[in-house]
Amino acid sequence: LQLNITGSWTGPTLHWEAGPALGRSFIHGPGLEKGQLLIHLEGIY
């Protein structure tokens, strides 16, 4: 995931994004919920 700061950053939580338009970022399996990583499969990461 890449950092997603649109507009002014108010912090402290960093918001993330992924996708082919962003270059090397990608997401396969997990999801994004309001810029945070959502785990869909239980296990060791």
PDB file of all heavy atoms in Angstrom:
ATOM      1  N   LEU A   1       0.822  -1.210   0.000  1.00  0.00           N
ATOM      2  CA  LEU A   1       0.000   0.000   0.000  1.00  0.00           C
ATOM      3  C   LEU A   1       0.852   1.254   0.000  1.00  0.00           C
ATOM      4  O   LEU A   1       1.936   1.282   0.572  1.00  0.00           O
ATOM      5  CB  LEU A   1      -0.898   0.005   1.243  1.00  0.00           C
ATOM      6  CG  LEU A   1      -1.739  -1.262   1.460  1.00  0.00           C
ATOM      7  CD1 LEU A   1      -2.440  -1.192   2.804  1.00  0.00           C
ATOM      8  CD2 LEU A   1      -2.713  -1.460   0.336  1.00  0.00           C
ATOM      9  N   GLN A   2       0.309   2.289  -0.641  1.00  0.00           N
ATOM     10  CA  GLN A   2       0.942   3.601  -0.671  1.00  0.00           C
ATOM     11  C   GLN A   2       0.172   4.539   0.230  1.00  0.00           C
ATOM     12  O   GLN A   2      -1.031   4.373   0.453  1.00  0.00           O
ATOM     13  CB  GLN A   2       0.886   4.177  -2.088  1.00  0.00           C
ATOM     14  CG  GLN A   2       1.938   3.670  -2.999  1.00  0.00           C
ATOM     15  CD  GLN A   2       1.834   4.351  -4.355  1.00  0.00           C
ATOM     16  OE1 GLN A   2       1.922   3.678  -5.332  1.00  0.00           O
ATOM     17  NE2 GLN A   2       1.646   5.645  -4.419  1.00  0.00           N
ATOM     18  N   LEU A   3       0.863   5.545   0.683  1.00  0.00           N
ATOM     19  CA  LEU A   3       0.240   6.562   1.517  1.00  0.00           C
ATOM     20  C   LEU A   3      -0.729   7.393   0.684  1.00  0.00           C
ATOM     21  O   LEU A   3      -0.444   7.741  -0.456  1.00  0.00           O
ATOM     22  CB  LEU A   3       1.324   7.456   2.113  1.00  0.00           C
ATOM     23  CG  LEU A   3       0.910   8.394   3.221  1.00  0.00           C
ATOM     24  CD1 LEU A   3       0.317   7.630   4.393  1.00  0.00           C
ATOM     25  CD2 LEU A   3       2.101   9.209   3.677  1.00  0.00           C
ATOM     26  N   ASN A   4      -1.879   7.704   1.239  1.00  0.00           N
ATOM     27  CA  ASN A   4      -2.899   8.496   0.556  1.00  0.00           C
ATOM     28  C   ASN A   4      -3.194   9.725   1.404  1.00  0.00           C
ATOM     29  O   ASN A   4      -3.925   9.644   2.383  1.00  0.00           O
ATOM     30  CB  ASN A   4      -4.171   7.658   0.359  1.00  0.00           C
ATOM     31  CG  ASN A   4      -5.282   8.447  -0.283  1.00  0.00           C
ATOM     32  OD1 ASN A   4      -5.068   9.499  -0.855  1.00  0.00           O
ATOM     33  ND2 ASN A   4      -6.499   7.933  -0.163  1.00  0.00           N
ATOM     34  N   ILE A   5      -2.588  10.824   1.022  1.00  0.00           N
ATOM     35  CA  ILE A   5      -2.885  12.083   1.705  1.00  0.00           C
ATOM     36  C   ILE A   5      -3.446  13.028   0.658  1.00  0.00           C
ATOM     37  O   ILE A   5      -2.732  13.465  -0.248  1.00  0.00           O
ATOM     38  CB  ILE A   5      -1.634  12.706   2.359  1.00  0.00           C
ATOM     39  CG1 ILE A   5      -1.109  11.786   3.456  1.00  0.00           C
ATOM     40  CG2 ILE A   5      -1.972  14.076   2.924  1.00  0.00           C
ATOM     41  CD1 ILE A   5       0.120  12.309   4.159  1.00  0.00           C
ATOM     42  N   THR A   6      -4.723  13.276   0.765  1.00  0.00           N
ATOM     43  CA  THR A   6      -5.361  14.238  -0.137  1.00  0.00           C
ATOM     44  C   THR A   6      -5.724  15.454   0.698  1.00  0.00           C
ATOM     45  O   THR A   6      -6.362  15.340   1.738  1.00  0.00           O
ATOM     46  CB  THR A   6      -6.621  13.634  -0.777  1.00  0.00           C
ATOM     47  OG1 THR A   6      -7.459  13.137   0.248  1.00  0.00           O
ATOM     48  CG2 THR A   6      -6.263  12.500  -1.722  1.00  0.00           C
ATOM     49  N   GLY A   7      -5.303  16.604   0.226  1.00  0.00           N
ATOM     50  CA  GLY A   7      -5.559  17.825   0.986  1.00  0.00           C
ATOM     51  C   GLY A   7      -4.586  17.948   2.142  1.00  0.00           C
ATOM     52  O   GLY A   7      -3.462  17.472   2.099  1.00  0.00           O
ATOM     53  N   SER A   8      -5.026  18.544   3.208  1.00  0.00           N
ATOM     54  CA  SER A   8      -4.139  18.733   4.350  1.00  0.00           C
ATOM     55  C   SER A   8      -4.213  17.520   5.260  1.00  0.00           C
ATOM     56  O   SER A   8      -5.283  16.989   5.531  1.00  0.00           O
ATOM     57  CB  SER A   8      -4.534  20.000   5.117  1.00  0.00           C
ATOM     58  OG  SER A   8      -5.839  19.857   5.625  1.00  0.00           O
ATOM     59  N   TRP A   9      -3.065  17.092   5.728  1.00  0.00           N
ATOM     60  CA  TRP A   9      -2.997  15.932   6.617  1.00  0.00           C
ATOM     61  C   TRP A   9      -3.209  16.413   8.038  1.00  0.00           C
ATOM     62  O   TRP A   9      -2.520  17.294   8.545  1.00  0.00           O
ATOM     63  CB  TRP A   9      -1.645  15.242   6.469  1.00  0.00           C
ATOM     64  CG  TRP A   9      -1.502  14.041   7.341  1.00  0.00           C
ATOM     65  CD1 TRP A   9      -2.227  12.891   7.260  1.00  0.00           C
ATOM     66  CD2 TRP A   9      -0.596  13.865   8.423  1.00  0.00           C
ATOM     67  NE1 TRP A   9      -1.823  12.006   8.224  1.00  0.00           N
ATOM     68  CE2 TRP A   9      -0.816  12.577   8.954  1.00  0.00           C
ATOM     69  CE3 TRP A   9       0.387  14.646   9.005  1.00  0.00           C
ATOM     70  CZ2 TRP A   9      -0.099  12.066  10.024  1.00  0.00           C
ATOM     71  CZ3 TRP A   9       1.099  14.155  10.063  1.00  0.00           C
ATOM     72  CH2 TRP A   9       0.858  12.865  10.563  1.00  0.00           C
ATOM     73  N   THR A  10      -4.182  15.813   8.713  1.00  0.00           N
ATOM     74  CA  THR A  10      -4.473  16.219  10.081  1.00  0.00           C
ATOM     75  C   THR A  10      -3.924  15.228  11.083  1.00  0.00           C
ATOM     76  O   THR A  10      -3.906  15.515  12.264  1.00  0.00           O
ATOM     77  CB  THR A  10      -5.998  16.358  10.288  1.00  0.00           C
ATOM     78  OG1 THR A  10      -6.621  15.122   9.952  1.00  0.00           O
ATOM     79  CG2 THR A  10      -6.556  17.471   9.418  1.00  0.00           C
ATOM     80  N   GLY A  11      -3.497  14.038  10.604  1.00  0.00           N
ATOM     81  CA  GLY A  11      -2.889  13.030  11.464  1.00  0.00           C
ATOM     82  C   GLY A  11      -3.790  12.626  12.596  1.00  0.00           C
ATOM     83  O   GLY A  11      -4.882  13.125  12.715  1.00  0.00           O
ATOM     84  N   PRO A  12      -3.408  11.732  13.445  1.00  0.00           N
ATOM     85  CA  PRO A  12      -2.168  10.973  13.389  1.00  0.00           C
ATOM     86  C   PRO A  12      -2.271   9.707  12.533  1.00  0.00           C
ATOM     87  O   PRO A  12      -1.260   9.106  12.213  1.00  0.00           O
ATOM     88  CB  PRO A  12      -1.932  10.601  14.855  1.00  0.00           C
ATOM     89  CG  PRO A  12      -3.300  10.425  15.413  1.00  0.00           C
ATOM     90  CD  PRO A  12      -4.147  11.450  14.691  1.00  0.00           C
ATOM     91  N   THR A  13      -3.505   9.298  12.145  1.00  0.00           N
ATOM     92  CA  THR A  13      -3.671   8.048  11.409  1.00  0.00           C
ATOM     93  C   THR A  13      -3.299   8.224   9.949  1.00  0.00           C
ATOM     94  O   THR A  13      -3.768   9.149   9.286  1.00  0.00           O
ATOM     95  CB  THR A  13      -5.130   7.544  11.522  1.00  0.00           C
ATOM     96  OG1 THR A  13      -5.429   7.374  12.903  1.00  0.00           O
ATOM     97  CG2 THR A  13      -5.304   6.229  10.812  1.00  0.00           C
ATOM     98  N   LEU A  14      -2.445   7.322   9.470  1.00  0.00           N
ATOM     99  CA  LEU A  14      -2.055   7.331   8.062  1.00  0.00           C
ATOM    100  C   LEU A  14      -3.091   6.544   7.256  1.00  0.00           C
ATOM    101  O   LEU A  14      -3.525   5.473   7.674  1.00  0.00           O
ATOM    102  CB  LEU A  14      -0.671   6.693   7.884  1.00  0.00           C
ATOM    103  CG  LEU A  14       0.464   7.348   8.683  1.00  0.00           C
ATOM    104  CD1 LEU A  14       1.749   6.552   8.510  1.00  0.00           C
ATOM    105  CD2 LEU A  14       0.660   8.786   8.251  1.00  0.00           C
ATOM    106  N   HIS A  15      -3.488   7.090   6.130  1.00  0.00           N
ATOM    107  CA  HIS A  15      -4.459   6.425   5.257  1.00  0.00           C
ATOM    108  C   HIS A  15      -3.726   5.878   4.043  1.00  0.00           C
ATOM    109  O   HIS A  15      -2.853   6.533   3.477  1.00  0.00           O
ATOM    110  CB  HIS A  15      -5.561   7.405   4.843  1.00  0.00           C
ATOM    111  CG  HIS A  15      -6.405   7.823   6.003  1.00  0.00           C
ATOM    112  ND1 HIS A  15      -7.493   7.112   6.426  1.00  0.00           N
ATOM    113  CD2 HIS A  15      -6.287   8.871   6.856  1.00  0.00           C
ATOM    114  CE1 HIS A  15      -8.027   7.694   7.474  1.00  0.00           C
ATOM    115  NE2 HIS A  15      -7.301   8.764   7.768  1.00  0.00           N
ATOM    116  N   TRP A  16      -4.122   4.661   3.633  1.00  0.00           N
ATOM    117  CA  TRP A  16      -3.420   3.936   2.581  1.00  0.00           C
ATOM    118  C   TRP A  16      -4.329   3.703   1.387  1.00  0.00           C
ATOM    119  O   TRP A  16      -5.557   3.729   1.506  1.00  0.00           O
ATOM    120  CB  TRP A  16      -2.909   2.603   3.119  1.00  0.00           C
ATOM    121  CG  TRP A  16      -2.077   2.757   4.348  1.00  0.00           C
ATOM    122  CD1 TRP A  16      -2.493   2.614   5.636  1.00  0.00           C
ATOM    123  CD2 TRP A  16      -0.710   3.135   4.409  1.00  0.00           C
ATOM    124  NE1 TRP A  16      -1.454   2.863   6.500  1.00  0.00           N
ATOM    125  CE2 TRP A  16      -0.340   3.186   5.767  1.00  0.00           C
ATOM    126  CE3 TRP A  16       0.260   3.432   3.446  1.00  0.00           C
ATOM    127  CZ2 TRP A  16       0.933   3.520   6.193  1.00  0.00           C
ATOM    128  CZ3 TRP A  16       1.532   3.764   3.869  1.00  0.00           C
ATOM    129  CH2 TRP A  16       1.861   3.805   5.221  1.00  0.00           C
ATOM    130  N   GLU A  17      -3.722   3.450   0.242  1.00  0.00           N
ATOM    131  CA  GLU A  17      -4.458   3.125  -0.972  1.00  0.00           C
ATOM    132  C   GLU A  17      -3.620   2.176  -1.818  1.00  0.00           C
ATOM    133  O   GLU A  17      -2.416   2.037  -1.609  1.00  0.00           O
ATOM    134  CB  GLU A  17      -4.811   4.394  -1.763  1.00  0.00           C
ATOM    135  CG  GLU A  17      -3.590   5.155  -2.274  1.00  0.00           C
ATOM    136  CD  GLU A  17      -3.952   6.435  -2.999  1.00  0.00           C
ATOM    137  OE1 GLU A  17      -5.123   6.594  -3.398  1.00  0.00           O
ATOM    138  OE2 GLU A  17      -3.066   7.276  -3.173  1.00  0.00           O
ATOM    139  N   ALA A  18      -4.295   1.530  -2.779  1.00  0.00           N
ATOM    140  CA  ALA A  18      -3.597   0.601  -3.666  1.00  0.00           C
ATOM    141  C   ALA A  18      -4.331   0.551  -4.991  1.00  0.00           C
ATOM    142  O   ALA A  18      -5.533   0.780  -5.069  1.00  0.00           O
ATOM    143  CB  ALA A  18      -3.554  -0.799  -3.056  1.00  0.00           C
ATOM    144  N   GLY A  19      -3.592   0.228  -6.028  1.00  0.00           N
ATOM    145  CA  GLY A  19      -4.205   0.069  -7.343  1.00  0.00           C
ATOM    146  C   GLY A  19      -3.194   0.209  -8.447  1.00  0.00           C
ATOM    147  O   GLY A  19      -2.122   0.797  -8.261  1.00  0.00           O
ATOM    148  N   PRO A  20      -3.507  -0.336  -9.630  1.00  0.00           N
ATOM    149  CA  PRO A  20      -2.558  -0.297 -10.748  1.00  0.00           C
ATOM    150  C   PRO A  20      -2.221   1.114 -11.202  1.00  0.00           C
ATOM    151  O   PRO A  20      -1.124   1.370 -11.688  1.00  0.00           O
ATOM    152  CB  PRO A  20      -3.274  -1.076 -11.856  1.00  0.00           C
ATOM    153  CG  PRO A  20      -4.640  -1.368 -11.380  1.00  0.00           C
ATOM    154  CD  PRO A  20      -4.732  -1.023  -9.947  1.00  0.00           C
ATOM    155  N   ALA A  21      -3.126   2.057 -11.025  1.00  0.00           N
ATOM    156  CA  ALA A  21      -2.852   3.433 -11.439  1.00  0.00           C
ATOM    157  C   ALA A  21      -1.806   4.092 -10.550  1.00  0.00           C
ATOM    158  O   ALA A  21      -1.245   5.125 -10.916  1.00  0.00           O
ATOM    159  CB  ALA A  21      -4.149   4.249 -11.404  1.00  0.00           C
ATOM    160  N   LEU A  22      -1.532   3.488  -9.402  1.00  0.00           N
ATOM    161  CA  LEU A  22      -0.592   4.079  -8.455  1.00  0.00           C
ATOM    162  C   LEU A  22       0.829   3.539  -8.605  1.00  0.00           C
ATOM    163  O   LEU A  22       1.686   3.814  -7.787  1.00  0.00           O
ATOM    164  CB  LEU A  22      -1.070   3.823  -7.031  1.00  0.00           C
ATOM    165  CG  LEU A  22      -2.457   4.380  -6.716  1.00  0.00           C
ATOM    166  CD1 LEU A  22      -2.906   3.919  -5.351  1.00  0.00           C
ATOM    167  CD2 LEU A  22      -2.453   5.893  -6.801  1.00  0.00           C
ATOM    168  N   GLY A  23       1.058   2.705  -9.596  1.00  0.00           N
ATOM    169  CA  GLY A  23       2.396   2.150  -9.787  1.00  0.00           C
ATOM    170  C   GLY A  23       2.531   0.780  -9.189  1.00  0.00           C
ATOM    171  O   GLY A  23       1.806  -0.134  -9.552  1.00  0.00           O
ATOM    172  N   ARG A  24       3.445   0.635  -8.232  1.00  0.00           N
ATOM    173  CA  ARG A  24       3.760  -0.688  -7.684  1.00  0.00           C
ATOM    174  C   ARG A  24       2.825  -1.150  -6.574  1.00  0.00           C
ATOM    175  O   ARG A  24       3.012  -2.222  -6.024  1.00  0.00           O
ATOM    176  CB  ARG A  24       5.196  -0.699  -7.176  1.00  0.00           C
ATOM    177  CG  ARG A  24       6.223  -0.573  -8.279  1.00  0.00           C
ATOM    178  CD  ARG A  24       7.616  -0.702  -7.715  1.00  0.00           C
ATOM    179  NE  ARG A  24       7.899   0.228  -6.654  1.00  0.00           N
ATOM    180  CZ  ARG A  24       8.514   1.386  -6.798  1.00  0.00           C
ATOM    181  NH1 ARG A  24       8.916   1.758  -7.987  1.00  0.00           N
ATOM    182  NH2 ARG A  24       8.745   2.154  -5.767  1.00  0.00           N
ATOM    183  N   SER A  25       1.840  -0.375  -6.207  1.00  0.00           N
ATOM    184  CA  SER A  25       0.966  -0.804  -5.112  1.00  0.00           C
ATOM    185  C   SER A  25      -0.107  -1.749  -5.639  1.00  0.00           C
ATOM    186  O   SER A  25      -0.543  -1.664  -6.779  1.00  0.00           O
ATOM    187  CB  SER A  25       0.331   0.403  -4.429  1.00  0.00           C
ATOM    188  OG  SER A  25      -0.596   1.012  -5.285  1.00  0.00           O
ATOM    189  N   PHE A  26      -0.524  -2.677  -4.793  1.00  0.00           N
ATOM    190  CA  PHE A  26      -1.534  -3.666  -5.167  1.00  0.00           C
ATOM    191  C   PHE A  26      -2.167  -4.223  -3.906  1.00  0.00           C
ATOM    192  O   PHE A  26      -1.636  -4.065  -2.808  1.00  0.00           O
ATOM    193  CB  PHE A  26      -0.918  -4.804  -5.990  1.00  0.00           C
ATOM    194  CG  PHE A  26       0.228  -5.474  -5.295  1.00  0.00           C
ATOM    195  CD1 PHE A  26       0.019  -6.518  -4.409  1.00  0.00           C
ATOM    196  CD2 PHE A  26       1.532  -5.040  -5.517  1.00  0.00           C
ATOM    197  CE1 PHE A  26       1.079  -7.124  -3.754  1.00  0.00           C
ATOM    198  CE2 PHE A  26       2.598  -5.649  -4.875  1.00  0.00           C
ATOM    199  CZ  PHE A  26       2.369  -6.693  -3.989  1.00  0.00           C
ATOM    200  N   ILE A  27      -3.293  -4.873  -4.091  1.00  0.00           N
ATOM    201  CA  ILE A  27      -3.962  -5.530  -2.966  1.00  0.00           C
ATOM    202  C   ILE A  27      -4.699  -6.750  -3.505  1.00  0.00           C
ATOM    203  O   ILE A  27      -5.479  -6.645  -4.436  1.00  0.00           O
ATOM    204  CB  ILE A  27      -4.890  -4.536  -2.226  1.00  0.00           C
ATOM    205  CG1 ILE A  27      -5.379  -5.137  -0.915  1.00  0.00           C
ATOM    206  CG2 ILE A  27      -6.023  -4.063  -3.091  1.00  0.00           C
ATOM    207  CD1 ILE A  27      -5.966  -4.117   0.037  1.00  0.00           C
ATOM    208  N   HIS A  28      -4.373  -7.928  -2.951  1.00  0.00           N
ATOM    209  CA  HIS A  28      -5.002  -9.193  -3.337  1.00  0.00           C
ATOM    210  C   HIS A  28      -5.407  -9.930  -2.069  1.00  0.00           C
ATOM    211  O   HIS A  28      -4.552 -10.422  -1.344  1.00  0.00           O
ATOM    212  CB  HIS A  28      -4.050 -10.068  -4.149  1.00  0.00           C
ATOM    213  CG  HIS A  28      -3.590  -9.459  -5.419  1.00  0.00           C
ATOM    214  ND1 HIS A  28      -4.404  -9.310  -6.513  1.00  0.00           N
ATOM    215  CD2 HIS A  28      -2.399  -8.927  -5.776  1.00  0.00           C
ATOM    216  CE1 HIS A  28      -3.731  -8.720  -7.486  1.00  0.00           C
ATOM    217  NE2 HIS A  28      -2.505  -8.472  -7.061  1.00  0.00           N
ATOM    218  N   GLY A  29      -6.681  -9.994  -1.799  1.00  0.00           N
ATOM    219  CA  GLY A  29      -7.168 -10.698  -0.613  1.00  0.00           C
ATOM    220  C   GLY A  29      -7.673  -9.763   0.458  1.00  0.00           C
ATOM    221  O   GLY A  29      -8.876  -9.716   0.706  1.00  0.00           O
ATOM    222  N   PRO A  30      -6.785  -8.998   1.112  1.00  0.00           N
ATOM    223  CA  PRO A  30      -7.287  -8.058   2.121  1.00  0.00           C
ATOM    224  C   PRO A  30      -8.078  -6.938   1.442  1.00  0.00           C
ATOM    225  O   PRO A  30      -8.088  -6.823   0.219  1.00  0.00           O
ATOM    226  CB  PRO A  30      -6.018  -7.491   2.761  1.00  0.00           C
ATOM    227  CG  PRO A  30      -4.924  -8.410   2.379  1.00  0.00           C
ATOM    228  CD  PRO A  30      -5.335  -9.030   1.076  1.00  0.00           C
ATOM    229  N   GLY A  31      -8.698  -6.108   2.240  1.00  0.00           N
ATOM    230  CA  GLY A  31      -9.438  -4.976   1.701  1.00  0.00           C
ATOM    231  C   GLY A  31      -9.003  -3.690   2.369  1.00  0.00           C
ATOM    232  O   GLY A  31      -8.182  -3.689   3.287  1.00  0.00           O
ATOM    233  N   LEU A  32      -9.557  -2.598   1.894  1.00  0.00           N
ATOM    234  CA  LEU A  32      -9.319  -1.295   2.506  1.00  0.00           C
ATOM    235  C   LEU A  32     -10.642  -0.771   3.047  1.00  0.00           C
ATOM    236  O   LEU A  32     -11.659  -0.804   2.354  1.00  0.00           O
ATOM    237  CB  LEU A  32      -8.738  -0.306   1.493  1.00  0.00           C
ATOM    238  CG  LEU A  32      -7.266  -0.495   1.155  1.00  0.00           C
ATOM    239  CD1 LEU A  32      -6.846   0.415   0.018  1.00  0.00           C
ATOM    240  CD2 LEU A  32      -6.402  -0.238   2.372  1.00  0.00           C
ATOM    241  N   GLU A  33     -10.617  -0.312   4.279  1.00  0.00           N
ATOM    242  CA  GLU A  33     -11.796   0.262   4.911  1.00  0.00           C
ATOM    243  C   GLU A  33     -11.421   1.640   5.430  1.00  0.00           C
ATOM    244  O   GLU A  33     -10.662   1.753   6.402  1.00  0.00           O
ATOM    245  CB  GLU A  33     -12.252  -0.636   6.061  1.00  0.00           C
ATOM    246  CG  GLU A  33     -13.497  -0.148   6.758  1.00  0.00           C
ATOM    247  CD  GLU A  33     -13.910  -1.086   7.867  1.00  0.00           C
ATOM    248  OE1 GLU A  33     -14.525  -2.124   7.551  1.00  0.00           O
ATOM    249  OE2 GLU A  33     -13.619  -0.779   9.043  1.00  0.00           O
ATOM    250  N   LYS A  34     -11.895   2.668   4.740  1.00  0.00           N
ATOM    251  CA  LYS A  34     -11.574   4.061   5.090  1.00  0.00           C
ATOM    252  C   LYS A  34     -10.073   4.283   5.165  1.00  0.00           C
ATOM    253  O   LYS A  34      -9.554   4.914   6.085  1.00  0.00           O
ATOM    254  CB  LYS A  34     -12.239   4.446   6.402  1.00  0.00           C
ATOM    255  CG  LYS A  34     -13.749   4.391   6.355  1.00  0.00           C
ATOM    256  CD  LYS A  34     -14.350   4.743   7.690  1.00  0.00           C
ATOM    257  CE  LYS A  34     -15.848   4.563   7.636  1.00  0.00           C
ATOM    258  NZ  LYS A  34     -16.474   4.744   8.941  1.00  0.00           N
ATOM    259  N   GLY A  35      -9.334   3.697   4.222  1.00  0.00           N
ATOM    260  CA  GLY A  35      -7.892   3.878   4.165  1.00  0.00           C
ATOM    261  C   GLY A  35      -7.094   2.984   5.091  1.00  0.00           C
ATOM    262  O   GLY A  35      -5.879   3.120   5.184  1.00  0.00           O
ATOM    263  N   GLN A  36      -7.774   2.068   5.794  1.00  0.00           N
ATOM    264  CA  GLN A  36      -7.098   1.151   6.707  1.00  0.00           C
ATOM    265  C   GLN A  36      -7.207  -0.270   6.162  1.00  0.00           C
ATOM    266  O   GLN A  36      -8.180  -0.614   5.500  1.00  0.00           O
ATOM    267  CB  GLN A  36      -7.710   1.218   8.104  1.00  0.00           C
ATOM    268  CG  GLN A  36      -7.774   2.615   8.686  1.00  0.00           C
ATOM    269  CD  GLN A  36      -6.441   3.328   8.669  1.00  0.00           C
ATOM    270  OE1 GLN A  36      -5.443   2.794   9.111  1.00  0.00           O
ATOM    271  NE2 GLN A  36      -6.429   4.539   8.152  1.00  0.00           N
ATOM    272  N   LEU A  37      -6.241  -1.097   6.457  1.00  0.00           N
ATOM    273  CA  LEU A  37      -6.186  -2.457   5.928  1.00  0.00           C
ATOM    274  C   LEU A  37      -7.138  -3.376   6.685  1.00  0.00           C
ATOM    275  O   LEU A  37      -7.057  -3.484   7.911  1.00  0.00           O
ATOM    276  CB  LEU A  37      -4.751  -2.983   6.026  1.00  0.00           C
ATOM    277  CG  LEU A  37      -4.482  -4.273   5.287  1.00  0.00           C
ATOM    278  CD1 LEU A  37      -4.610  -4.074   3.791  1.00  0.00           C
ATOM    279  CD2 LEU A  37      -3.099  -4.773   5.607  1.00  0.00           C
ATOM    280  N   LEU A  38      -8.019  -4.055   5.952  1.00  0.00           N
ATOM    281  CA  LEU A  38      -9.003  -4.969   6.526  1.00  0.00           C
ATOM    282  C   LEU A  38      -8.613  -6.400   6.162  1.00  0.00           C
ATOM    283  O   LEU A  38      -8.469  -6.731   4.993  1.00  0.00           O
ATOM    284  CB  LEU A  38     -10.403  -4.656   5.991  1.00  0.00           C
ATOM    285  CG  LEU A  38     -11.522  -5.629   6.341  1.00  0.00           C
ATOM    286  CD1 LEU A  38     -11.748  -5.670   7.850  1.00  0.00           C
ATOM    287  CD2 LEU A  38     -12.801  -5.239   5.618  1.00  0.00           C
ATOM    288  N   ILE A  39      -8.460  -7.247   7.172  1.00  0.00           N
ATOM    289  CA  ILE A  39      -8.048  -8.640   6.978  1.00  0.00           C
ATOM    290  C   ILE A  39      -9.279  -9.511   6.728  1.00  0.00           C
ATOM    291  O   ILE A  39     -10.233  -9.466   7.494  1.00  0.00           O
ATOM    292  CB  ILE A  39      -7.264  -9.152   8.214  1.00  0.00           C
ATOM    293  CG1 ILE A  39      -6.010  -8.312   8.443  1.00  0.00           C
ATOM    294  CG2 ILE A  39      -6.928 -10.627   8.082  1.00  0.00           C
ATOM    295  CD1 ILE A  39      -5.020  -8.324   7.314  1.00  0.00           C
ATOM    296  N   HIS A  40      -9.232 -10.302   5.640  1.00  0.00           N
ATOM    297  CA  HIS A  40     -10.346 -11.194   5.296  1.00  0.00           C
ATOM    298  C   HIS A  40     -10.057 -12.656   5.613  1.00  0.00           C
ATOM    299  O   HIS A  40     -10.971 -13.468   5.615  1.00  0.00           O
ATOM    300  CB  HIS A  40     -10.686 -11.087   3.810  1.00  0.00           C
ATOM    301  CG  HIS A  40     -11.284  -9.773   3.427  1.00  0.00           C
ATOM    302  ND1 HIS A  40     -12.445  -9.299   3.969  1.00  0.00           N
ATOM    303  CD2 HIS A  40     -10.877  -8.835   2.542  1.00  0.00           C
ATOM    304  CE1 HIS A  40     -12.741  -8.122   3.439  1.00  0.00           C
ATOM    305  NE2 HIS A  40     -11.797  -7.809   2.583  1.00  0.00           N
ATOM    306  N   LEU A  41      -8.804 -13.020   5.837  1.00  0.00           N
ATOM    307  CA  LEU A  41      -8.434 -14.414   6.062  1.00  0.00           C
ATOM    308  C   LEU A  41      -7.592 -14.518   7.327  1.00  0.00           C
ATOM    309  O   LEU A  41      -6.546 -13.874   7.445  1.00  0.00           O
ATOM    310  CB  LEU A  41      -7.632 -14.944   4.865  1.00  0.00           C
ATOM    311  CG  LEU A  41      -7.111 -16.365   4.959  1.00  0.00           C
ATOM    312  CD1 LEU A  41      -8.262 -17.365   5.009  1.00  0.00           C
ATOM    313  CD2 LEU A  41      -6.217 -16.669   3.764  1.00  0.00           C
ATOM    314  N   GLU A  42      -8.057 -15.330   8.272  1.00  0.00           N
ATOM    315  CA  GLU A  42      -7.307 -15.516   9.516  1.00  0.00           C
ATOM    316  C   GLU A  42      -6.011 -16.262   9.235  1.00  0.00           C
ATOM    317  O   GLU A  42      -5.950 -17.145   8.389  1.00  0.00           O
ATOM    318  CB  GLU A  42      -8.146 -16.315  10.505  1.00  0.00           C
ATOM    319  CG  GLU A  42      -7.475 -16.490  11.846  1.00  0.00           C
ATOM    320  CD  GLU A  42      -8.382 -17.124  12.876  1.00  0.00           C
ATOM    321  OE1 GLU A  42      -9.607 -16.985  12.775  1.00  0.00           O
ATOM    322  OE2 GLU A  42      -7.839 -17.754  13.790  1.00  0.00           O
ATOM    323  N   GLY A  43      -4.955 -15.899   9.946  1.00  0.00           N
ATOM    324  CA  GLY A  43      -3.689 -16.592   9.803  1.00  0.00           C
ATOM    325  C   GLY A  43      -2.531 -15.755  10.306  1.00  0.00           C
ATOM    326  O   GLY A  43      -2.715 -14.711  10.926  1.00  0.00           O
ATOM    327  N   ILE A  44      -1.347 -16.239  10.022  1.00  0.00           N
ATOM    328  CA  ILE A  44      -0.126 -15.521  10.403  1.00  0.00           C
ATOM    329  C   ILE A  44       0.301 -14.664   9.210  1.00  0.00           C
ATOM    330  O   ILE A  44       0.401 -15.157   8.088  1.00  0.00           O
ATOM    331  CB  ILE A  44       0.974 -16.499  10.820  1.00  0.00           C
ATOM    332  CG1 ILE A  44       0.528 -17.257  12.071  1.00  0.00           C
ATOM    333  CG2 ILE A  44       2.292 -15.760  11.072  1.00  0.00           C
ATOM    334  CD1 ILE A  44       1.463 -18.351  12.499  1.00  0.00           C
ATOM    335  N   TYR A  45       0.553 -13.409   9.482  1.00  0.00           N
ATOM    336  CA  TYR A  45       0.933 -12.443   8.451  1.00  0.00           C
ATOM    337  C   TYR A  45       2.291 -11.855   8.759  1.00  0.00           C
ATOM    338  O   TYR A  45       2.661 -11.685   9.916  1.00  0.00           O
ATOM    339  CB  TYR A  45      -0.082 -11.289   8.394  1.00  0.00           C
ATOM    340  CG  TYR A  45      -1.380 -11.642   7.724  1.00  0.00           C
ATOM    341  CD1 TYR A  45      -2.374 -12.331   8.395  1.00  0.00           C
ATOM    342  CD2 TYR A  45      -1.619 -11.283   6.405  1.00  0.00           C
ATOM    343  CE1 TYR A  45      -3.568 -12.653   7.783  1.00  0.00           C
ATOM    344  CE2 TYR A  45      -2.810 -11.586   5.783  1.00  0.00           C
ATOM    345  CZ  TYR A  45      -3.783 -12.277   6.479  1.00  0.00           C
ATOM    346  OH  TYR A  45      -4.957 -12.597   5.854  1.00  0.00           O
TER     347      TYR A  45
END
